[in-house]
Amino acid sequence: MKRQRILDQDLQRVLNEVHEVYADLSLRPTQRNCVRVKECCHFKLTGRTPYLTKGEALVAAKALRATGRTQLPENPTGACPLLDSASGNCLIYESRPFGCRTHFCAAAGGPYARREVIDLIRRLEAIDVDVAGSGPRLLQNAITDALANSSGGP
């Protein structure tokens, strides 16, 4: 029981650290033409899928659980599995991954220049090392594993 409490505290620390990276990114607004048309979310269309570190995947898994889901929804259209088919909105928008926040696709104005966010990327990579991650992984795989390997967290 005591061991689980320590794990929960560690998980909460990791979640907080990832959210701090996201908050720091929000202080660096860059002109984009994204009006949430969600074209970037259609991976099959864009040919681009975000990669997540383990810390980001844990944040996404926690947010997905908060919607009442215990597994990543399937999306046969090739769109992001986090794009709700009924509403067309991101299921975890406030906890969306770094790649989504930095507009990895051309429809949103293209990605942030790496030099503009390299310090934040390095912080996410350091968190990944801290939680024994294996580097950035395809969104679907990273979130599926985070859902399977964590208890739901705080």
N, C-alpha and C. Protein backbone atom coordinates (compact mmCIF):
# COMPACT_ATOMS: atom_id res chain seq x y z
N MET A 1 0.83 -1.20 0.00
CA MET A 1 0.00 0.00 0.00
C MET A 1 0.87 1.26 0.00
N LYS A 2 1.90 1.28 0.85
CA LYS A 2 2.78 2.43 0.91
C LYS A 2 3.50 2.63 -0.43
N ARG A 3 3.91 1.54 -1.07
CA ARG A 3 4.58 1.63 -2.37
C ARG A 3 3.68 2.28 -3.41
N GLN A 4 2.38 1.94 -3.44
CA GLN A 4 1.44 2.53 -4.40
C GLN A 4 1.33 4.04 -4.19
N ARG A 5 1.31 4.47 -2.93
CA ARG A 5 1.22 5.90 -2.64
C ARG A 5 2.42 6.64 -3.23
N ILE A 6 3.61 6.05 -3.11
CA ILE A 6 4.80 6.68 -3.68
C ILE A 6 4.68 6.74 -5.20
N LEU A 7 4.19 5.68 -5.81
CA LEU A 7 4.01 5.67 -7.25
C LEU A 7 3.00 6.73 -7.69
N ASP A 8 1.92 6.89 -6.95
CA ASP A 8 0.93 7.90 -7.26
C ASP A 8 1.53 9.30 -7.14
N GLN A 9 2.36 9.52 -6.11
CA GLN A 9 3.02 10.81 -5.95
C GLN A 9 3.97 11.07 -7.10
N ASP A 10 4.72 10.04 -7.51
CA ASP A 10 5.62 10.18 -8.65
C ASP A 10 4.85 10.49 -9.92
N LEU A 11 3.73 9.80 -10.11
CA LEU A 11 2.91 10.03 -11.28
C LEU A 11 2.39 11.46 -11.28
N GLN A 12 1.91 11.94 -10.16
CA GLN A 12 1.40 13.31 -10.08
C GLN A 12 2.51 14.31 -10.38
N ARG A 13 3.71 14.04 -9.90
CA ARG A 13 4.85 14.93 -10.19
C ARG A 13 5.12 14.98 -11.69
N VAL A 14 5.10 13.83 -12.35
CA VAL A 14 5.34 13.76 -13.78
C VAL A 14 4.25 14.52 -14.53
N LEU A 15 3.00 14.30 -14.16
CA LEU A 15 1.90 15.00 -14.80
C LEU A 15 2.06 16.51 -14.65
N ASN A 16 2.44 16.94 -13.46
CA ASN A 16 2.65 18.37 -13.21
C ASN A 16 3.78 18.93 -14.06
N GLU A 17 4.87 18.18 -14.18
CA GLU A 17 6.02 18.64 -14.97
C GLU A 17 5.65 18.78 -16.44
N VAL A 18 4.89 17.85 -16.97
CA VAL A 18 4.47 17.94 -18.38
C VAL A 18 3.54 19.14 -18.55
N HIS A 19 2.60 19.32 -17.64
CA HIS A 19 1.69 20.48 -17.72
C HIS A 19 2.47 21.79 -17.62
N GLU A 20 3.56 21.82 -16.86
CA GLU A 20 4.39 23.03 -16.79
C GLU A 20 5.04 23.32 -18.14
N VAL A 21 5.48 22.28 -18.84
CA VAL A 21 6.04 22.47 -20.18
C VAL A 21 4.96 23.06 -21.09
N TYR A 22 3.76 22.51 -21.05
CA TYR A 22 2.66 23.01 -21.87
C TYR A 22 2.35 24.47 -21.52
N ALA A 23 2.36 24.80 -20.25
CA ALA A 23 2.09 26.18 -19.81
C ALA A 23 3.18 27.11 -20.31
N ASP A 24 4.43 26.68 -20.23
CA ASP A 24 5.53 27.51 -20.72
C ASP A 24 5.42 27.73 -22.23
N LEU A 25 4.99 26.70 -22.95
CA LEU A 25 4.79 26.85 -24.39
C LEU A 25 3.71 27.90 -24.68
N SER A 26 2.67 27.92 -23.89
CA SER A 26 1.57 28.87 -24.13
C SER A 26 2.02 30.32 -23.95
N LEU A 27 3.13 30.52 -23.26
CA LEU A 27 3.67 31.87 -23.08
C LEU A 27 4.49 32.32 -24.28
N ARG A 28 4.62 31.44 -25.27
CA ARG A 28 5.39 31.73 -26.48
C ARG A 28 4.48 31.70 -27.71
N PRO A 29 3.49 32.55 -27.74
CA PRO A 29 2.56 32.48 -28.87
C PRO A 29 3.26 32.80 -30.18
N THR A 30 2.93 32.04 -31.19
CA THR A 30 3.46 32.24 -32.53
C THR A 30 2.27 32.41 -33.45
N GLN A 31 2.38 33.30 -34.40
CA GLN A 31 1.27 33.53 -35.32
C GLN A 31 0.97 32.25 -36.10
N ARG A 32 -0.25 31.81 -35.99
CA ARG A 32 -0.72 30.63 -36.71
C ARG A 32 -2.10 30.93 -37.26
N ASN A 33 -2.47 30.21 -38.29
CA ASN A 33 -3.80 30.41 -38.86
C ASN A 33 -4.74 29.28 -38.47
N CYS A 34 -4.43 28.59 -37.39
CA CYS A 34 -5.26 27.47 -36.96
C CYS A 34 -6.53 28.00 -36.30
N VAL A 35 -7.65 27.60 -36.82
CA VAL A 35 -8.93 27.97 -36.24
C VAL A 35 -9.70 26.71 -35.87
N ARG A 36 -8.95 25.71 -35.46
CA ARG A 36 -9.51 24.43 -35.04
C ARG A 36 -10.36 23.77 -36.12
N VAL A 37 -9.85 23.85 -37.36
CA VAL A 37 -10.55 23.17 -38.45
C VAL A 37 -10.27 21.67 -38.41
N LYS A 38 -9.30 21.29 -37.64
CA LYS A 38 -8.99 19.89 -37.35
C LYS A 38 -8.39 19.12 -38.52
N GLU A 39 -7.93 19.82 -39.54
CA GLU A 39 -7.29 19.13 -40.66
C GLU A 39 -6.05 18.37 -40.19
N CYS A 40 -5.32 18.97 -39.26
CA CYS A 40 -4.11 18.31 -38.74
C CYS A 40 -4.44 17.00 -38.04
N CYS A 41 -5.65 16.88 -37.55
CA CYS A 41 -6.08 15.69 -36.81
C CYS A 41 -6.40 14.52 -37.74
N HIS A 42 -6.41 14.77 -39.01
CA HIS A 42 -6.70 13.71 -39.99
C HIS A 42 -5.37 13.16 -40.51
N PHE A 43 -4.79 12.26 -39.73
CA PHE A 43 -3.45 11.75 -39.99
C PHE A 43 -3.32 11.11 -41.37
N LYS A 44 -4.35 10.41 -41.80
CA LYS A 44 -4.31 9.76 -43.10
C LYS A 44 -4.22 10.81 -44.21
N LEU A 45 -4.90 11.92 -44.02
CA LEU A 45 -4.90 13.01 -45.00
C LEU A 45 -3.55 13.73 -45.02
N THR A 46 -3.03 14.05 -43.84
CA THR A 46 -1.79 14.82 -43.76
C THR A 46 -0.54 13.96 -43.90
N GLY A 47 -0.67 12.67 -43.59
CA GLY A 47 0.50 11.80 -43.60
C GLY A 47 1.42 12.04 -42.42
N ARG A 48 0.91 12.74 -41.41
CA ARG A 48 1.72 13.07 -40.23
C ARG A 48 0.96 12.70 -38.97
N THR A 49 1.67 12.06 -38.05
CA THR A 49 1.10 11.67 -36.77
C THR A 49 2.05 12.14 -35.68
N PRO A 50 1.53 12.78 -34.63
CA PRO A 50 2.42 13.22 -33.55
C PRO A 50 3.05 12.05 -32.80
N TYR A 51 4.22 12.30 -32.29
CA TYR A 51 4.92 11.35 -31.43
C TYR A 51 4.90 11.92 -30.02
N LEU A 52 4.71 11.05 -29.03
CA LEU A 52 4.61 11.47 -27.64
C LEU A 52 5.69 10.80 -26.80
N THR A 53 6.21 11.56 -25.84
CA THR A 53 7.07 10.97 -24.83
C THR A 53 6.17 10.25 -23.82
N LYS A 54 6.76 9.47 -22.96
CA LYS A 54 5.97 8.74 -21.97
C LYS A 54 5.21 9.69 -21.04
N GLY A 55 5.84 10.79 -20.64
CA GLY A 55 5.15 11.75 -19.78
C GLY A 55 3.92 12.33 -20.46
N GLU A 56 4.05 12.68 -21.74
CA GLU A 56 2.91 13.20 -22.49
C GLU A 56 1.81 12.15 -22.60
N ALA A 57 2.21 10.90 -22.84
CA ALA A 57 1.24 9.82 -22.97
C ALA A 57 0.49 9.62 -21.65
N LEU A 58 1.18 9.76 -20.53
CA LEU A 58 0.52 9.63 -19.23
C LEU A 58 -0.50 10.74 -19.02
N VAL A 59 -0.15 11.95 -19.44
CA VAL A 59 -1.09 13.08 -19.35
C VAL A 59 -2.31 12.81 -20.23
N ALA A 60 -2.06 12.37 -21.45
CA ALA A 60 -3.16 12.08 -22.38
C ALA A 60 -4.05 10.95 -21.85
N ALA A 61 -3.42 9.91 -21.30
CA ALA A 61 -4.19 8.77 -20.76
C ALA A 61 -5.08 9.22 -19.60
N LYS A 62 -4.54 10.06 -18.73
CA LYS A 62 -5.33 10.56 -17.60
C LYS A 62 -6.52 11.38 -18.10
N ALA A 63 -6.29 12.23 -19.08
CA ALA A 63 -7.36 13.04 -19.64
C ALA A 63 -8.41 12.17 -20.35
N LEU A 64 -7.95 11.14 -21.03
CA LEU A 64 -8.89 10.25 -21.71
C LEU A 64 -9.74 9.49 -20.70
N ARG A 65 -9.12 9.05 -19.61
CA ARG A 65 -9.89 8.39 -18.54
C ARG A 65 -10.94 9.32 -17.95
N ALA A 66 -10.61 10.60 -17.89
CA ALA A 66 -11.57 11.58 -17.33
C ALA A 66 -12.82 11.70 -18.19
N THR A 67 -12.74 11.25 -19.44
CA THR A 67 -13.92 11.25 -20.32
C THR A 67 -14.75 9.99 -20.13
N GLY A 68 -14.28 9.09 -19.25
CA GLY A 68 -14.98 7.83 -19.01
C GLY A 68 -14.49 6.68 -19.86
N ARG A 69 -13.46 6.93 -20.64
CA ARG A 69 -12.92 5.88 -21.51
C ARG A 69 -11.74 5.19 -20.85
N THR A 70 -11.60 3.91 -21.12
CA THR A 70 -10.47 3.15 -20.56
C THR A 70 -9.55 2.66 -21.66
N GLN A 71 -9.92 2.91 -22.90
CA GLN A 71 -9.03 2.56 -24.00
C GLN A 71 -9.16 3.60 -25.10
N LEU A 72 -8.17 3.63 -25.94
CA LEU A 72 -8.14 4.60 -27.03
C LEU A 72 -9.21 4.22 -28.05
N PRO A 73 -10.09 5.17 -28.39
CA PRO A 73 -11.12 4.86 -29.39
C PRO A 73 -10.49 4.54 -30.75
N GLU A 74 -11.13 3.71 -31.50
CA GLU A 74 -10.66 3.42 -32.86
C GLU A 74 -11.29 4.43 -33.79
N ASN A 75 -10.54 4.86 -34.77
CA ASN A 75 -11.08 5.78 -35.75
C ASN A 75 -10.74 5.24 -37.13
N PRO A 76 -11.68 4.55 -37.76
CA PRO A 76 -11.42 3.89 -39.05
C PRO A 76 -11.15 4.86 -40.20
N THR A 77 -11.42 6.15 -40.01
CA THR A 77 -11.21 7.12 -41.09
C THR A 77 -9.75 7.54 -41.22
N GLY A 78 -8.91 7.14 -40.27
CA GLY A 78 -7.52 7.56 -40.30
C GLY A 78 -7.28 8.86 -39.55
N ALA A 79 -8.33 9.36 -38.91
CA ALA A 79 -8.18 10.56 -38.09
C ALA A 79 -7.62 10.18 -36.73
N CYS A 80 -7.17 11.17 -36.01
CA CYS A 80 -6.65 10.94 -34.66
C CYS A 80 -7.72 10.22 -33.84
N PRO A 81 -7.33 9.20 -33.09
CA PRO A 81 -8.31 8.49 -32.27
C PRO A 81 -8.88 9.37 -31.15
N LEU A 82 -8.26 10.49 -30.89
CA LEU A 82 -8.75 11.40 -29.86
C LEU A 82 -9.76 12.41 -30.41
N LEU A 83 -10.00 12.36 -31.71
CA LEU A 83 -10.98 13.24 -32.33
C LEU A 83 -12.34 12.56 -32.22
N ASP A 84 -13.21 13.16 -31.43
CA ASP A 84 -14.53 12.58 -31.19
C ASP A 84 -15.35 12.59 -32.47
N SER A 85 -15.81 11.42 -32.88
CA SER A 85 -16.55 11.32 -34.13
C SER A 85 -17.91 12.02 -34.05
N ALA A 86 -18.50 12.11 -32.88
CA ALA A 86 -19.81 12.75 -32.74
C ALA A 86 -19.71 14.28 -32.81
N SER A 87 -18.80 14.86 -32.04
CA SER A 87 -18.71 16.32 -31.98
C SER A 87 -17.65 16.89 -32.93
N GLY A 88 -16.69 16.06 -33.32
CA GLY A 88 -15.60 16.55 -34.16
C GLY A 88 -14.54 17.29 -33.38
N ASN A 89 -14.63 17.26 -32.05
CA ASN A 89 -13.67 17.96 -31.20
C ASN A 89 -12.69 16.98 -30.57
N CYS A 90 -11.56 17.51 -30.16
CA CYS A 90 -10.57 16.70 -29.47
C CYS A 90 -11.11 16.31 -28.09
N LEU A 91 -11.02 15.03 -27.78
CA LEU A 91 -11.50 14.55 -26.49
C LEU A 91 -10.67 15.08 -25.32
N ILE A 92 -9.41 15.42 -25.59
CA ILE A 92 -8.51 15.83 -24.51
C ILE A 92 -7.85 17.18 -24.83
N TYR A 93 -8.55 18.08 -25.46
CA TYR A 93 -7.96 19.31 -25.97
C TYR A 93 -7.06 20.02 -24.96
N GLU A 94 -7.50 20.17 -23.73
CA GLU A 94 -6.69 20.88 -22.73
C GLU A 94 -5.42 20.11 -22.37
N SER A 95 -5.39 18.81 -22.63
CA SER A 95 -4.22 17.98 -22.34
C SER A 95 -3.59 17.44 -23.61
N ARG A 96 -3.86 18.07 -24.74
CA ARG A 96 -3.34 17.59 -26.01
C ARG A 96 -1.82 17.59 -26.00
N PRO A 97 -1.22 16.70 -26.77
CA PRO A 97 0.24 16.56 -26.79
C PRO A 97 0.97 17.78 -27.35
N PHE A 98 2.25 17.82 -27.08
CA PHE A 98 3.12 18.90 -27.51
C PHE A 98 3.08 19.09 -29.03
N GLY A 99 3.12 18.00 -29.78
CA GLY A 99 3.08 18.09 -31.24
C GLY A 99 1.83 18.78 -31.74
N CYS A 100 0.71 18.52 -31.09
CA CYS A 100 -0.55 19.17 -31.47
C CYS A 100 -0.49 20.65 -31.11
N ARG A 101 0.14 20.96 -30.00
CA ARG A 101 0.26 22.34 -29.54
C ARG A 101 1.21 23.16 -30.41
N THR A 102 2.17 22.49 -31.02
CA THR A 102 3.16 23.20 -31.83
C THR A 102 2.84 23.10 -33.31
N HIS A 103 1.62 22.72 -33.64
CA HIS A 103 1.11 22.75 -35.01
C HIS A 103 2.05 22.01 -35.97
N PHE A 104 2.07 20.71 -35.83
CA PHE A 104 2.98 19.91 -36.62
C PHE A 104 2.58 19.82 -38.09
N CYS A 105 1.41 20.31 -38.47
CA CYS A 105 1.00 20.18 -39.87
C CYS A 105 0.86 21.54 -40.56
N ALA A 106 0.91 21.51 -41.87
CA ALA A 106 0.89 22.73 -42.67
C ALA A 106 -0.42 23.50 -42.57
N ALA A 107 -1.53 22.81 -42.39
CA ALA A 107 -2.83 23.48 -42.35
C ALA A 107 -2.92 24.51 -41.23
N ALA A 108 -2.16 24.32 -40.18
CA ALA A 108 -2.19 25.25 -39.05
C ALA A 108 -1.10 26.31 -39.16
N GLY A 109 -0.40 26.33 -40.26
CA GLY A 109 0.66 27.31 -40.44
C GLY A 109 2.03 26.68 -40.35
N GLY A 110 2.08 25.38 -40.24
CA GLY A 110 3.35 24.67 -40.16
C GLY A 110 3.87 24.62 -38.74
N PRO A 111 4.87 23.80 -38.53
CA PRO A 111 5.38 23.62 -37.17
C PRO A 111 6.15 24.83 -36.67
N TYR A 112 6.19 24.94 -35.35
CA TYR A 112 7.09 25.92 -34.74
C TYR A 112 8.50 25.56 -35.19
N ALA A 113 9.35 26.54 -35.32
CA ALA A 113 10.75 26.26 -35.61
C ALA A 113 11.32 25.53 -34.39
N ARG A 114 12.05 24.47 -34.63
CA ARG A 114 12.61 23.66 -33.54
C ARG A 114 13.42 24.52 -32.57
N ARG A 115 14.14 25.47 -33.09
CA ARG A 115 14.97 26.33 -32.22
C ARG A 115 14.13 27.13 -31.24
N GLU A 116 12.85 27.37 -31.58
CA GLU A 116 11.96 28.14 -30.71
C GLU A 116 11.49 27.33 -29.50
N VAL A 117 11.54 26.01 -29.61
CA VAL A 117 10.99 25.16 -28.55
C VAL A 117 11.93 24.05 -28.10
N ILE A 118 13.18 24.10 -28.54
CA ILE A 118 14.11 23.01 -28.22
C ILE A 118 14.28 22.83 -26.72
N ASP A 119 14.26 23.91 -25.95
CA ASP A 119 14.39 23.78 -24.50
C ASP A 119 13.21 23.01 -23.91
N LEU A 120 12.02 23.22 -24.46
CA LEU A 120 10.84 22.50 -23.98
C LEU A 120 10.88 21.04 -24.40
N ILE A 121 11.34 20.79 -25.61
CA ILE A 121 11.50 19.41 -26.08
C ILE A 121 12.48 18.68 -25.16
N ARG A 122 13.57 19.33 -24.82
CA ARG A 122 14.57 18.69 -23.94
C ARG A 122 13.99 18.41 -22.56
N ARG A 123 13.13 19.30 -22.07
CA ARG A 123 12.47 19.03 -20.77
C ARG A 123 11.57 17.81 -20.87
N LEU A 124 10.82 17.68 -21.96
CA LEU A 124 9.97 16.49 -22.15
C LEU A 124 10.82 15.23 -22.26
N GLU A 125 11.96 15.35 -22.93
CA GLU A 125 12.87 14.20 -23.05
C GLU A 125 13.46 13.82 -21.69
N ALA A 126 13.76 14.81 -20.87
CA ALA A 126 14.30 14.53 -19.53
C ALA A 126 13.24 13.84 -18.67
N ILE A 127 12.00 14.27 -18.78
CA ILE A 127 10.91 13.61 -18.06
C ILE A 127 10.80 12.16 -18.54
N ASP A 128 10.92 11.96 -19.85
CA ASP A 128 10.84 10.62 -20.43
C ASP A 128 11.91 9.71 -19.83
N VAL A 129 13.12 10.22 -19.72
CA VAL A 129 14.21 9.44 -19.12
C VAL A 129 13.88 9.13 -17.66
N ASP A 130 13.36 10.12 -16.95
CA ASP A 130 13.02 9.98 -15.53
C ASP A 130 11.99 8.88 -15.28
N VAL A 131 11.08 8.68 -16.24
CA VAL A 131 10.03 7.66 -16.07
C VAL A 131 10.32 6.40 -16.88
N ALA A 132 11.58 6.22 -17.25
CA ALA A 132 12.02 5.03 -18.00
C ALA A 132 11.28 4.88 -19.32
N GLY A 133 11.05 5.99 -19.99
CA GLY A 133 10.45 5.95 -21.31
C GLY A 133 11.47 5.51 -22.35
N SER A 134 11.02 5.33 -23.56
CA SER A 134 11.91 4.87 -24.62
C SER A 134 11.98 5.88 -25.76
N GLY A 135 11.76 7.15 -25.43
CA GLY A 135 11.79 8.18 -26.45
C GLY A 135 10.41 8.38 -27.05
N PRO A 136 10.28 9.40 -27.88
CA PRO A 136 8.98 9.68 -28.49
C PRO A 136 8.47 8.49 -29.30
N ARG A 137 7.17 8.23 -29.15
CA ARG A 137 6.54 7.11 -29.83
C ARG A 137 5.26 7.57 -30.50
N LEU A 138 4.84 6.86 -31.51
CA LEU A 138 3.62 7.15 -32.24
C LEU A 138 2.46 7.33 -31.25
N LEU A 139 1.67 8.38 -31.42
CA LEU A 139 0.59 8.73 -30.51
C LEU A 139 -0.24 7.53 -30.08
N GLN A 140 -0.73 6.75 -31.03
CA GLN A 140 -1.60 5.63 -30.70
C GLN A 140 -0.90 4.62 -29.79
N ASN A 141 0.34 4.28 -30.11
CA ASN A 141 1.08 3.31 -29.31
C ASN A 141 1.41 3.84 -27.93
N ALA A 142 1.84 5.09 -27.86
CA ALA A 142 2.22 5.68 -26.58
C ALA A 142 1.03 5.76 -25.63
N ILE A 143 -0.12 6.20 -26.12
CA ILE A 143 -1.29 6.34 -25.25
C ILE A 143 -1.85 4.97 -24.88
N THR A 144 -1.89 4.05 -25.82
CA THR A 144 -2.38 2.69 -25.52
C THR A 144 -1.55 2.07 -24.41
N ASP A 145 -0.23 2.20 -24.49
CA ASP A 145 0.64 1.65 -23.45
C ASP A 145 0.44 2.37 -22.13
N ALA A 146 0.28 3.69 -22.15
CA ALA A 146 0.08 4.44 -20.90
C ALA A 146 -1.23 4.03 -20.24
N LEU A 147 -2.25 3.78 -21.03
CA LEU A 147 -3.52 3.33 -20.48
C LEU A 147 -3.39 1.95 -19.84
N ALA A 148 -2.61 1.08 -20.49
CA ALA A 148 -2.45 -0.29 -20.00
C ALA A 148 -1.53 -0.40 -18.78
N ASN A 149 -0.59 0.53 -18.68
CA ASN A 149 0.44 0.40 -17.65
C ASN A 149 0.30 1.37 -16.48
N SER A 150 -0.83 2.05 -16.40
CA SER A 150 -1.05 2.91 -15.23
C SER A 150 -2.45 2.65 -14.70
N SER A 151 -2.60 2.89 -13.44
CA SER A 151 -3.85 2.54 -12.76
C SER A 151 -4.95 3.57 -12.91
N GLY A 152 -4.67 4.63 -13.60
CA GLY A 152 -5.68 5.68 -13.68
C GLY A 152 -5.18 6.94 -13.04
N GLY A 153 -4.22 6.80 -12.17
CA GLY A 153 -3.57 7.95 -11.57
C GLY A 153 -4.48 8.79 -10.71
N PRO A 154 -3.91 9.87 -10.20
CA PRO A 154 -4.66 10.76 -9.32
C PRO A 154 -5.70 11.54 -10.08
